[in-house]
Structure formats: structure tokens, C-alpha cells
Amino acid sequence: MTNKKVVLTGAHSYLGQKLLSHLSSIGGFEVSAFITPWAKEGGLVSGQVIKYVRADLTRSLPDETANLVREADRVLHFAWIRGKDESEVIESNLAMLANLQQHISRPRSLVFISSVAASPDTLSRYGRTKFKIANQLLEYGAVVLVTGLIVDKEPKGPYKLLVEVVKGFPLSVRFTQNSVKV
């Protein structure tokens, strides 16, 4: 059986690392894990099926990197550029996507990671920009995957911060008899 070829952008992110760990454990994949040129590789998930590739997606892709995108069965786009100016955030992220899209043969092979925060009316700049780009990608024919808060048994990242804040509240609440105490 031939391994499926996957390109994962934003591979050094929390969610990217969780996915790489999962793909390594189940097997059947060759993963080109794109990280920013300035990312530190220490502590990143490693494995025989993972090849880290330094790629600045805001620029035209070098031939070798473009070939990885062309040959991929799936391009999982987790990378995201944040910023204070909404139009710059949209422009930067669309530029990054355009650099990938020109090498993708089938729009449905592109999977964009969005968020439950994505909404046209949210107060969150992150949510508004994710919403706009997700809708453009749906029109293109890409798959948009909407995720909520990703949690671990041992809290990490934004979830850890949320847990610490909630633990500081002077009360606790259960929504149903067997639900998690909030």
C-alpha cells in the first residue's frame, strides 16, 4: 500500500503538532510539515513519516517546495498570520493561500482549518478574518474544517490559560449531573 502524501502548513503550531503526533501513530502517511523559516525545531514531534520543510508561504514557493504541494494528496492549511489591522490580516493570509493554490491541482485537496470563532458579526478580528477567508475558500472548492477549543488531559496553550482563569473564580457550576465542572 502506498502512503498518502500530506502537506501540513503551520506544523509548528499546537494543533499542527497534535495532528503530526496522531498521523505518526496511525501510519500510512508521508508528511511534509511546513514551518516558518524562523521557527525553532527543538521539541517538535518527530518520526520517520515527518519531514520538516522551512517555507515562507508569504512568498512564491521554491520549486522543491512547490513540488511537495503539487504531489500532495491533501494540503492541510493550519498556518495563520495574525495582526492588528484587519485588512492586512486578510491580505497576508490570502497571499499565503494564493502561493499554495497555484500549485494545487484539485481544490478539494485543500483543507482549511477554521474556527468556531469565525463569524461575520463577531467582535473578534480573528473570527471575522477567518470567516471571510473560509467563505472565499468554499467558493474555490476547498474543504473548510471548523474546530472548537482543542483540549488535553493536561491543559496547554490557550486552554491552560482558560482553565487557570476559571479556577480563579470564587464559584463552581455544573450544567448537568455528570458534566464537567466549570
N, C-alpha and C. Protein backbone atom coordinates (compact mmCIF):
# COMPACT_ATOMS: atom_id res chain seq x y z
N MET A 1 0.84 -1.18 0.00
CA MET A 1 0.00 0.00 0.00
C MET A 1 0.89 1.25 0.00
N THR A 2 0.53 2.23 -0.79
CA THR A 2 1.28 3.48 -0.88
C THR A 2 0.80 4.45 0.19
N ASN A 3 1.77 5.10 0.83
CA ASN A 3 1.42 6.10 1.83
C ASN A 3 0.79 7.31 1.16
N LYS A 4 -0.17 7.91 1.83
CA LYS A 4 -0.76 9.16 1.34
C LYS A 4 0.20 10.29 1.63
N LYS A 5 0.35 11.19 0.66
CA LYS A 5 1.24 12.34 0.82
C LYS A 5 0.42 13.53 1.32
N VAL A 6 0.90 14.09 2.42
CA VAL A 6 0.20 15.20 3.06
C VAL A 6 1.18 16.35 3.25
N VAL A 7 0.71 17.56 2.94
CA VAL A 7 1.43 18.77 3.31
C VAL A 7 0.64 19.40 4.44
N LEU A 8 1.34 19.74 5.51
CA LEU A 8 0.72 20.41 6.65
C LEU A 8 1.41 21.75 6.85
N THR A 9 0.67 22.85 6.66
CA THR A 9 1.24 24.17 6.94
C THR A 9 0.96 24.50 8.41
N GLY A 10 1.78 25.36 8.98
CA GLY A 10 1.61 25.68 10.39
C GLY A 10 1.92 24.48 11.26
N ALA A 11 2.85 23.65 10.82
CA ALA A 11 3.15 22.40 11.52
C ALA A 11 3.74 22.62 12.90
N HIS A 12 4.31 23.78 13.15
CA HIS A 12 4.90 24.04 14.47
C HIS A 12 3.87 24.56 15.47
N SER A 13 2.64 24.78 15.03
CA SER A 13 1.58 25.25 15.93
C SER A 13 1.14 24.11 16.85
N TYR A 14 0.44 24.47 17.89
CA TYR A 14 -0.08 23.48 18.84
C TYR A 14 -0.93 22.44 18.11
N LEU A 15 -1.88 22.89 17.32
CA LEU A 15 -2.77 21.99 16.61
C LEU A 15 -1.99 21.18 15.57
N GLY A 16 -1.04 21.81 14.88
CA GLY A 16 -0.21 21.10 13.91
C GLY A 16 0.57 19.97 14.56
N GLN A 17 1.13 20.24 15.73
CA GLN A 17 1.89 19.22 16.45
C GLN A 17 0.98 18.07 16.90
N LYS A 18 -0.23 18.38 17.33
CA LYS A 18 -1.18 17.33 17.72
C LYS A 18 -1.51 16.43 16.52
N LEU A 19 -1.72 17.04 15.36
CA LEU A 19 -2.03 16.26 14.18
C LEU A 19 -0.83 15.41 13.76
N LEU A 20 0.38 15.98 13.79
CA LEU A 20 1.57 15.21 13.42
C LEU A 20 1.75 14.01 14.34
N SER A 21 1.52 14.19 15.61
CA SER A 21 1.61 13.09 16.57
C SER A 21 0.61 11.99 16.21
N HIS A 22 -0.59 12.40 15.88
CA HIS A 22 -1.64 11.43 15.52
C HIS A 22 -1.29 10.70 14.22
N LEU A 23 -0.89 11.43 13.19
CA LEU A 23 -0.56 10.81 11.91
C LEU A 23 0.61 9.84 12.06
N SER A 24 1.58 10.20 12.88
CA SER A 24 2.72 9.31 13.13
C SER A 24 2.27 8.02 13.79
N SER A 25 1.32 8.13 14.71
CA SER A 25 0.90 6.95 15.46
C SER A 25 0.05 5.99 14.62
N ILE A 26 -0.72 6.52 13.67
CA ILE A 26 -1.59 5.62 12.89
C ILE A 26 -0.92 5.10 11.62
N GLY A 27 0.11 5.83 11.13
CA GLY A 27 0.84 5.38 9.95
C GLY A 27 0.06 5.58 8.66
N GLY A 28 0.72 5.26 7.55
CA GLY A 28 0.08 5.35 6.24
C GLY A 28 0.23 6.72 5.58
N PHE A 29 1.08 7.58 6.14
CA PHE A 29 1.24 8.93 5.62
C PHE A 29 2.70 9.30 5.46
N GLU A 30 2.98 10.11 4.47
CA GLU A 30 4.25 10.82 4.33
C GLU A 30 3.89 12.29 4.49
N VAL A 31 4.43 12.94 5.51
CA VAL A 31 4.03 14.30 5.81
C VAL A 31 5.18 15.28 5.58
N SER A 32 4.92 16.25 4.73
CA SER A 32 5.81 17.40 4.58
C SER A 32 5.24 18.47 5.49
N ALA A 33 5.92 18.70 6.60
CA ALA A 33 5.44 19.59 7.65
C ALA A 33 6.09 20.96 7.48
N PHE A 34 5.32 21.92 6.96
CA PHE A 34 5.85 23.25 6.69
C PHE A 34 5.90 24.07 7.97
N ILE A 35 7.07 24.60 8.25
CA ILE A 35 7.26 25.51 9.38
C ILE A 35 7.87 26.80 8.85
N THR A 36 7.67 27.89 9.56
CA THR A 36 8.25 29.16 9.13
C THR A 36 9.77 29.07 9.20
N PRO A 37 10.47 29.82 8.36
CA PRO A 37 11.93 29.77 8.35
C PRO A 37 12.57 30.11 9.70
N TRP A 38 11.88 30.85 10.54
CA TRP A 38 12.43 31.28 11.82
C TRP A 38 11.96 30.41 12.99
N ALA A 39 11.18 29.39 12.73
CA ALA A 39 10.68 28.51 13.80
C ALA A 39 11.82 27.67 14.36
N LYS A 40 11.74 27.40 15.66
CA LYS A 40 12.70 26.52 16.31
C LYS A 40 12.21 25.09 16.17
N GLU A 41 13.13 24.19 15.83
CA GLU A 41 12.75 22.79 15.63
C GLU A 41 12.85 21.96 16.90
N GLY A 42 13.51 22.48 17.92
CA GLY A 42 13.64 21.74 19.17
C GLY A 42 12.29 21.46 19.79
N GLY A 43 12.05 20.22 20.16
CA GLY A 43 10.81 19.85 20.83
C GLY A 43 9.66 19.53 19.89
N LEU A 44 9.86 19.64 18.57
CA LEU A 44 8.79 19.32 17.64
C LEU A 44 8.65 17.80 17.52
N VAL A 45 7.44 17.35 17.25
CA VAL A 45 7.16 15.94 17.05
C VAL A 45 8.05 15.44 15.90
N SER A 46 8.63 14.28 16.10
CA SER A 46 9.46 13.72 15.04
C SER A 46 9.00 12.31 14.73
N GLY A 47 9.41 11.82 13.60
CA GLY A 47 9.06 10.47 13.20
C GLY A 47 9.53 10.21 11.79
N GLN A 48 9.56 8.95 11.43
CA GLN A 48 10.03 8.57 10.09
C GLN A 48 9.17 9.17 8.98
N VAL A 49 7.90 9.38 9.26
CA VAL A 49 6.99 9.86 8.21
C VAL A 49 6.94 11.38 8.10
N ILE A 50 7.65 12.08 9.00
CA ILE A 50 7.58 13.55 9.04
C ILE A 50 8.88 14.15 8.52
N LYS A 51 8.73 15.04 7.54
CA LYS A 51 9.88 15.79 7.02
C LYS A 51 9.54 17.28 7.19
N TYR A 52 10.29 17.96 8.05
CA TYR A 52 10.05 19.38 8.25
C TYR A 52 10.66 20.17 7.10
N VAL A 53 9.89 21.13 6.61
CA VAL A 53 10.31 21.97 5.48
C VAL A 53 10.14 23.42 5.91
N ARG A 54 11.21 24.18 5.84
CA ARG A 54 11.13 25.61 6.15
C ARG A 54 10.55 26.31 4.92
N ALA A 55 9.44 26.99 5.11
CA ALA A 55 8.76 27.63 3.98
C ALA A 55 8.12 28.94 4.43
N ASP A 56 8.44 30.00 3.71
CA ASP A 56 7.77 31.28 3.94
C ASP A 56 6.63 31.36 2.93
N LEU A 57 5.44 31.04 3.39
CA LEU A 57 4.29 30.96 2.49
C LEU A 57 3.83 32.32 1.99
N THR A 58 4.38 33.40 2.54
CA THR A 58 4.01 34.73 2.06
C THR A 58 4.76 35.08 0.78
N ARG A 59 5.68 34.24 0.39
CA ARG A 59 6.47 34.44 -0.84
C ARG A 59 6.23 33.27 -1.80
N SER A 60 6.55 33.49 -3.07
CA SER A 60 6.43 32.40 -4.04
C SER A 60 7.23 31.20 -3.56
N LEU A 61 6.68 30.02 -3.76
CA LEU A 61 7.33 28.82 -3.27
C LEU A 61 8.47 28.40 -4.18
N PRO A 62 9.61 28.05 -3.60
CA PRO A 62 10.70 27.50 -4.41
C PRO A 62 10.22 26.21 -5.08
N ASP A 63 10.86 25.80 -6.17
CA ASP A 63 10.42 24.63 -6.95
C ASP A 63 10.27 23.37 -6.10
N GLU A 64 11.23 23.10 -5.24
CA GLU A 64 11.18 21.88 -4.43
C GLU A 64 9.97 21.88 -3.50
N THR A 65 9.69 23.03 -2.90
CA THR A 65 8.54 23.16 -2.00
C THR A 65 7.23 23.10 -2.79
N ALA A 66 7.19 23.77 -3.94
CA ALA A 66 6.00 23.75 -4.80
C ALA A 66 5.70 22.32 -5.25
N ASN A 67 6.73 21.54 -5.54
CA ASN A 67 6.52 20.15 -5.96
C ASN A 67 5.88 19.32 -4.85
N LEU A 68 6.24 19.58 -3.61
CA LEU A 68 5.62 18.87 -2.49
C LEU A 68 4.11 19.15 -2.46
N VAL A 69 3.74 20.40 -2.71
CA VAL A 69 2.32 20.78 -2.74
C VAL A 69 1.63 20.11 -3.92
N ARG A 70 2.26 20.14 -5.10
CA ARG A 70 1.69 19.53 -6.31
C ARG A 70 1.42 18.03 -6.12
N GLU A 71 2.36 17.36 -5.46
CA GLU A 71 2.29 15.90 -5.32
C GLU A 71 1.43 15.45 -4.14
N ALA A 72 0.99 16.37 -3.31
CA ALA A 72 0.24 16.00 -2.10
C ALA A 72 -1.18 15.54 -2.43
N ASP A 73 -1.60 14.51 -1.72
CA ASP A 73 -3.00 14.07 -1.80
C ASP A 73 -3.89 15.06 -1.06
N ARG A 74 -3.35 15.64 0.02
CA ARG A 74 -4.05 16.65 0.82
C ARG A 74 -3.07 17.72 1.26
N VAL A 75 -3.55 18.96 1.22
CA VAL A 75 -2.81 20.09 1.78
C VAL A 75 -3.66 20.60 2.94
N LEU A 76 -3.18 20.39 4.15
CA LEU A 76 -3.89 20.80 5.35
C LEU A 76 -3.32 22.15 5.77
N HIS A 77 -4.10 23.19 5.58
CA HIS A 77 -3.60 24.55 5.81
C HIS A 77 -4.00 25.04 7.20
N PHE A 78 -3.03 24.92 8.14
CA PHE A 78 -3.23 25.36 9.52
C PHE A 78 -2.54 26.69 9.78
N ALA A 79 -1.65 27.12 8.90
CA ALA A 79 -0.90 28.36 9.11
C ALA A 79 -1.84 29.55 9.10
N TRP A 80 -1.54 30.54 9.93
CA TRP A 80 -2.37 31.73 10.01
C TRP A 80 -1.51 32.90 10.48
N ILE A 81 -1.63 34.01 9.78
CA ILE A 81 -0.91 35.22 10.16
C ILE A 81 -1.87 36.13 10.89
N ARG A 82 -1.49 36.51 12.10
CA ARG A 82 -2.32 37.41 12.91
C ARG A 82 -1.78 38.82 12.78
N GLY A 83 -2.57 39.78 13.21
CA GLY A 83 -2.13 41.16 13.18
C GLY A 83 -3.21 42.07 13.76
N LYS A 84 -2.88 43.34 13.86
CA LYS A 84 -3.82 44.30 14.43
C LYS A 84 -4.75 44.91 13.39
N ASP A 85 -4.27 45.03 12.16
CA ASP A 85 -5.06 45.64 11.09
C ASP A 85 -5.78 44.55 10.30
N GLU A 86 -7.11 44.58 10.33
CA GLU A 86 -7.91 43.52 9.72
C GLU A 86 -7.64 43.35 8.23
N SER A 87 -7.52 44.45 7.51
CA SER A 87 -7.27 44.33 6.07
C SER A 87 -5.90 43.73 5.79
N GLU A 88 -4.91 44.03 6.63
CA GLU A 88 -3.58 43.43 6.47
C GLU A 88 -3.61 41.93 6.78
N VAL A 89 -4.38 41.55 7.79
CA VAL A 89 -4.51 40.14 8.14
C VAL A 89 -5.12 39.38 6.96
N ILE A 90 -6.18 39.91 6.39
CA ILE A 90 -6.82 39.26 5.25
C ILE A 90 -5.87 39.21 4.07
N GLU A 91 -5.25 40.33 3.75
CA GLU A 91 -4.33 40.40 2.62
C GLU A 91 -3.17 39.40 2.78
N SER A 92 -2.57 39.36 3.96
CA SER A 92 -1.44 38.46 4.21
C SER A 92 -1.85 37.00 4.08
N ASN A 93 -3.00 36.65 4.67
CA ASN A 93 -3.44 35.26 4.62
C ASN A 93 -3.90 34.85 3.22
N LEU A 94 -4.52 35.76 2.49
CA LEU A 94 -4.90 35.45 1.11
C LEU A 94 -3.67 35.29 0.23
N ALA A 95 -2.64 36.09 0.46
CA ALA A 95 -1.39 35.96 -0.30
C ALA A 95 -0.76 34.59 -0.03
N MET A 96 -0.76 34.19 1.24
CA MET A 96 -0.21 32.90 1.61
C MET A 96 -0.98 31.77 0.90
N LEU A 97 -2.30 31.88 0.91
CA LEU A 97 -3.12 30.87 0.24
C LEU A 97 -2.91 30.87 -1.27
N ALA A 98 -2.78 32.05 -1.86
CA ALA A 98 -2.55 32.13 -3.31
C ALA A 98 -1.25 31.42 -3.69
N ASN A 99 -0.23 31.55 -2.84
CA ASN A 99 1.04 30.88 -3.12
C ASN A 99 0.91 29.36 -3.06
N LEU A 100 -0.01 28.87 -2.26
CA LEU A 100 -0.28 27.43 -2.22
C LEU A 100 -1.19 27.02 -3.37
N GLN A 101 -2.27 27.76 -3.57
CA GLN A 101 -3.29 27.39 -4.55
C GLN A 101 -2.75 27.25 -5.97
N GLN A 102 -1.76 28.02 -6.32
CA GLN A 102 -1.25 27.93 -7.70
C GLN A 102 -0.56 26.58 -7.97
N HIS A 103 -0.31 25.81 -6.92
CA HIS A 103 0.34 24.50 -7.08
C HIS A 103 -0.59 23.34 -6.76
N ILE A 104 -1.83 23.64 -6.39
CA ILE A 104 -2.81 22.61 -6.04
C ILE A 104 -3.62 22.26 -7.28
N SER A 105 -3.64 20.97 -7.62
CA SER A 105 -4.33 20.55 -8.84
C SER A 105 -5.84 20.40 -8.65
N ARG A 106 -6.27 20.01 -7.46
CA ARG A 106 -7.70 19.83 -7.18
C ARG A 106 -8.08 20.68 -5.97
N PRO A 107 -8.98 21.63 -6.14
CA PRO A 107 -9.37 22.47 -4.99
C PRO A 107 -9.78 21.68 -3.76
N ARG A 108 -10.44 20.52 -3.94
CA ARG A 108 -10.91 19.74 -2.78
C ARG A 108 -9.76 19.09 -2.01
N SER A 109 -8.56 19.13 -2.56
CA SER A 109 -7.43 18.57 -1.81
C SER A 109 -6.92 19.56 -0.75
N LEU A 110 -7.39 20.81 -0.83
CA LEU A 110 -7.02 21.82 0.16
C LEU A 110 -8.03 21.80 1.31
N VAL A 111 -7.51 21.62 2.52
CA VAL A 111 -8.35 21.63 3.72
C VAL A 111 -7.90 22.81 4.57
N PHE A 112 -8.80 23.75 4.80
CA PHE A 112 -8.51 24.95 5.57
C PHE A 112 -9.05 24.78 6.98
N ILE A 113 -8.20 25.00 7.96
CA ILE A 113 -8.65 24.90 9.35
C ILE A 113 -9.24 26.24 9.76
N SER A 114 -10.50 26.22 10.12
CA SER A 114 -11.16 27.44 10.57
C SER A 114 -11.44 27.33 12.06
N SER A 115 -12.40 28.05 12.53
CA SER A 115 -12.65 28.11 13.96
C SER A 115 -14.12 28.37 14.23
N VAL A 116 -14.61 27.87 15.39
CA VAL A 116 -15.97 28.20 15.78
C VAL A 116 -16.10 29.69 16.05
N ALA A 117 -14.97 30.38 16.21
CA ALA A 117 -14.99 31.83 16.41
C ALA A 117 -15.25 32.57 15.10
N ALA A 118 -15.20 31.87 13.97
CA ALA A 118 -15.38 32.51 12.67
C ALA A 118 -16.84 32.91 12.46
N SER A 119 -17.06 34.20 12.33
CA SER A 119 -18.40 34.75 12.18
C SER A 119 -18.29 36.15 11.60
N PRO A 120 -19.26 36.57 10.79
CA PRO A 120 -19.17 37.91 10.21
C PRO A 120 -19.43 39.02 11.23
N ASP A 121 -20.11 38.70 12.31
CA ASP A 121 -20.53 39.73 13.26
C ASP A 121 -19.79 39.70 14.59
N THR A 122 -18.80 38.85 14.71
CA THR A 122 -18.08 38.75 15.97
C THR A 122 -17.25 40.01 16.25
N LEU A 123 -16.97 40.26 17.50
CA LEU A 123 -16.10 41.37 17.88
C LEU A 123 -14.63 41.00 17.66
N SER A 124 -14.36 39.73 17.45
CA SER A 124 -13.00 39.23 17.28
C SER A 124 -12.50 39.44 15.84
N ARG A 125 -11.39 40.13 15.71
CA ARG A 125 -10.76 40.32 14.39
C ARG A 125 -10.39 38.95 13.81
N TYR A 126 -9.88 38.08 14.67
CA TYR A 126 -9.52 36.72 14.26
C TYR A 126 -10.74 36.01 13.66
N GLY A 127 -11.86 36.07 14.35
CA GLY A 127 -13.08 35.41 13.88
C GLY A 127 -13.60 35.97 12.58
N ARG A 128 -13.59 37.31 12.45
CA ARG A 128 -14.07 37.93 11.21
C ARG A 128 -13.19 37.57 10.02
N THR A 129 -11.87 37.59 10.22
CA THR A 129 -10.97 37.30 9.11
C THR A 129 -11.02 35.82 8.73
N LYS A 130 -11.10 34.95 9.72
CA LYS A 130 -11.23 33.51 9.43
C LYS A 130 -12.51 33.25 8.63
N PHE A 131 -13.59 33.94 9.02
CA PHE A 131 -14.88 33.77 8.35
C PHE A 131 -14.78 34.19 6.88
N LYS A 132 -14.21 35.35 6.63
CA LYS A 132 -14.11 35.87 5.25
C LYS A 132 -13.28 34.94 4.37
N ILE A 133 -12.15 34.50 4.89
CA ILE A 133 -11.28 33.64 4.09
C ILE A 133 -11.90 32.26 3.90
N ALA A 134 -12.54 31.72 4.93
CA ALA A 134 -13.20 30.42 4.80
C ALA A 134 -14.25 30.46 3.71
N ASN A 135 -15.02 31.54 3.64
CA ASN A 135 -16.05 31.63 2.60
C ASN A 135 -15.45 31.74 1.21
N GLN A 136 -14.36 32.45 1.06
CA GLN A 136 -13.69 32.52 -0.24
C GLN A 136 -13.17 31.15 -0.65
N LEU A 137 -12.65 30.40 0.32
CA LEU A 137 -12.13 29.07 0.01
C LEU A 137 -13.25 28.09 -0.32
N LEU A 138 -14.40 28.24 0.30
CA LEU A 138 -15.54 27.39 -0.05
C LEU A 138 -15.95 27.64 -1.50
N GLU A 139 -15.95 28.90 -1.92
CA GLU A 139 -16.26 29.23 -3.32
C GLU A 139 -15.23 28.62 -4.27
N TYR A 140 -13.98 28.58 -3.85
CA TYR A 140 -12.89 27.98 -4.63
C TYR A 140 -13.07 26.47 -4.76
N GLY A 141 -13.71 25.87 -3.77
CA GLY A 141 -13.93 24.42 -3.78
C GLY A 141 -13.13 23.68 -2.73
N ALA A 142 -12.49 24.41 -1.84
CA ALA A 142 -11.71 23.79 -0.77
C ALA A 142 -12.64 23.24 0.31
N VAL A 143 -12.09 22.43 1.17
CA VAL A 143 -12.80 21.91 2.33
C VAL A 143 -12.46 22.82 3.50
N VAL A 144 -13.47 23.26 4.23
CA VAL A 144 -13.24 24.09 5.41
C VAL A 144 -13.62 23.27 6.63
N LEU A 145 -12.65 23.07 7.51
CA LEU A 145 -12.85 22.31 8.73
C LEU A 145 -12.93 23.29 9.89
N VAL A 146 -14.07 23.30 10.56
CA VAL A 146 -14.30 24.21 11.68
C VAL A 146 -14.05 23.45 12.98
N THR A 147 -13.15 23.99 13.80
CA THR A 147 -12.85 23.34 15.07
C THR A 147 -13.18 24.26 16.23
N GLY A 148 -13.41 23.67 17.35
CA GLY A 148 -13.60 24.42 18.58
C GLY A 148 -12.31 24.40 19.37
N LEU A 149 -12.40 24.60 20.65
CA LEU A 149 -11.25 24.59 21.52
C LEU A 149 -10.70 23.17 21.62
N ILE A 150 -9.41 23.03 21.35
CA ILE A 150 -8.75 21.73 21.42
C ILE A 150 -8.21 21.57 22.84
N VAL A 151 -8.56 20.46 23.49
CA VAL A 151 -8.16 20.29 24.88
C VAL A 151 -7.34 19.02 25.07
N ASP A 152 -6.51 19.03 26.10
CA ASP A 152 -5.71 17.88 26.52
C ASP A 152 -6.08 17.54 27.95
N LYS A 153 -5.73 16.33 28.37
CA LYS A 153 -5.92 15.98 29.78
C LYS A 153 -5.11 16.92 30.65
N GLU A 154 -3.90 17.22 30.20
CA GLU A 154 -3.04 18.19 30.89
C GLU A 154 -3.14 19.50 30.10
N PRO A 155 -3.81 20.52 30.64
CA PRO A 155 -4.02 21.76 29.89
C PRO A 155 -2.72 22.39 29.38
N LYS A 156 -2.79 22.87 28.12
CA LYS A 156 -1.67 23.56 27.48
C LYS A 156 -2.22 24.70 26.65
N GLY A 157 -1.36 25.64 26.30
CA GLY A 157 -1.73 26.72 25.40
C GLY A 157 -2.90 27.54 25.91
N PRO A 158 -3.77 28.00 24.97
CA PRO A 158 -4.92 28.83 25.36
C PRO A 158 -5.87 28.12 26.33
N TYR A 159 -5.99 26.81 26.19
CA TYR A 159 -6.86 26.07 27.10
C TYR A 159 -6.33 26.12 28.53
N LYS A 160 -5.01 26.06 28.69
CA LYS A 160 -4.40 26.15 30.02
C LYS A 160 -4.74 27.50 30.65
N LEU A 161 -4.64 28.57 29.85
CA LEU A 161 -4.98 29.90 30.35
C LEU A 161 -6.44 29.95 30.78
N LEU A 162 -7.33 29.40 29.96
CA LEU A 162 -8.75 29.38 30.29
C LEU A 162 -8.99 28.63 31.60
N VAL A 163 -8.35 27.47 31.75
CA VAL A 163 -8.51 26.67 32.96
C VAL A 163 -8.04 27.47 34.18
N GLU A 164 -6.90 28.12 34.06
CA GLU A 164 -6.37 28.90 35.19
C GLU A 164 -7.30 30.05 35.57
N VAL A 165 -7.87 30.71 34.57
CA VAL A 165 -8.79 31.82 34.84
C VAL A 165 -10.04 31.30 35.53
N VAL A 166 -10.62 30.21 35.01
CA VAL A 166 -11.85 29.66 35.58
C VAL A 166 -11.61 29.16 37.00
N LYS A 167 -10.44 28.55 37.26
CA LYS A 167 -10.13 28.08 38.61
C LYS A 167 -10.08 29.23 39.60
N GLY A 168 -9.80 30.43 39.12
CA GLY A 168 -9.73 31.60 40.00
C GLY A 168 -11.08 32.17 40.36
N PHE A 169 -12.14 31.70 39.70
CA PHE A 169 -13.47 32.19 40.02
C PHE A 169 -13.87 31.69 41.42
N PRO A 170 -14.62 32.48 42.18
CA PRO A 170 -14.99 32.08 43.54
C PRO A 170 -16.19 31.13 43.60
N LEU A 171 -16.54 30.49 42.49
CA LEU A 171 -17.67 29.58 42.49
C LEU A 171 -17.43 28.49 41.46
N SER A 172 -18.20 27.42 41.54
CA SER A 172 -18.14 26.38 40.51
C SER A 172 -19.57 26.01 40.13
N VAL A 173 -19.74 25.57 38.90
CA VAL A 173 -21.06 25.29 38.36
C VAL A 173 -20.99 23.98 37.58
N ARG A 174 -22.03 23.18 37.67
CA ARG A 174 -22.19 22.02 36.79
C ARG A 174 -23.46 22.26 35.99
N PHE A 175 -23.38 21.95 34.70
CA PHE A 175 -24.53 22.19 33.84
C PHE A 175 -25.51 21.01 33.87
N THR A 176 -24.98 19.82 34.05
CA THR A 176 -25.82 18.62 34.22
C THR A 176 -25.16 17.76 35.27
N GLN A 177 -25.84 16.73 35.70
CA GLN A 177 -25.35 15.90 36.80
C GLN A 177 -23.96 15.33 36.53
N ASN A 178 -23.68 14.84 35.33
CA ASN A 178 -22.41 14.18 35.04
C ASN A 178 -21.48 15.03 34.17
N SER A 179 -21.76 16.29 34.01
CA SER A 179 -20.92 17.11 33.15
C SER A 179 -19.65 17.56 33.87
N VAL A 180 -18.77 18.10 33.10
CA VAL A 180 -17.52 18.63 33.64
C VAL A 180 -17.84 19.86 34.45
N LYS A 181 -17.23 19.97 35.64
CA LYS A 181 -17.45 21.14 36.48
C LYS A 181 -16.74 22.34 35.85
N VAL A 182 -17.45 23.45 35.72
CA VAL A 182 -16.90 24.67 35.13
C VAL A 182 -16.72 25.70 36.23
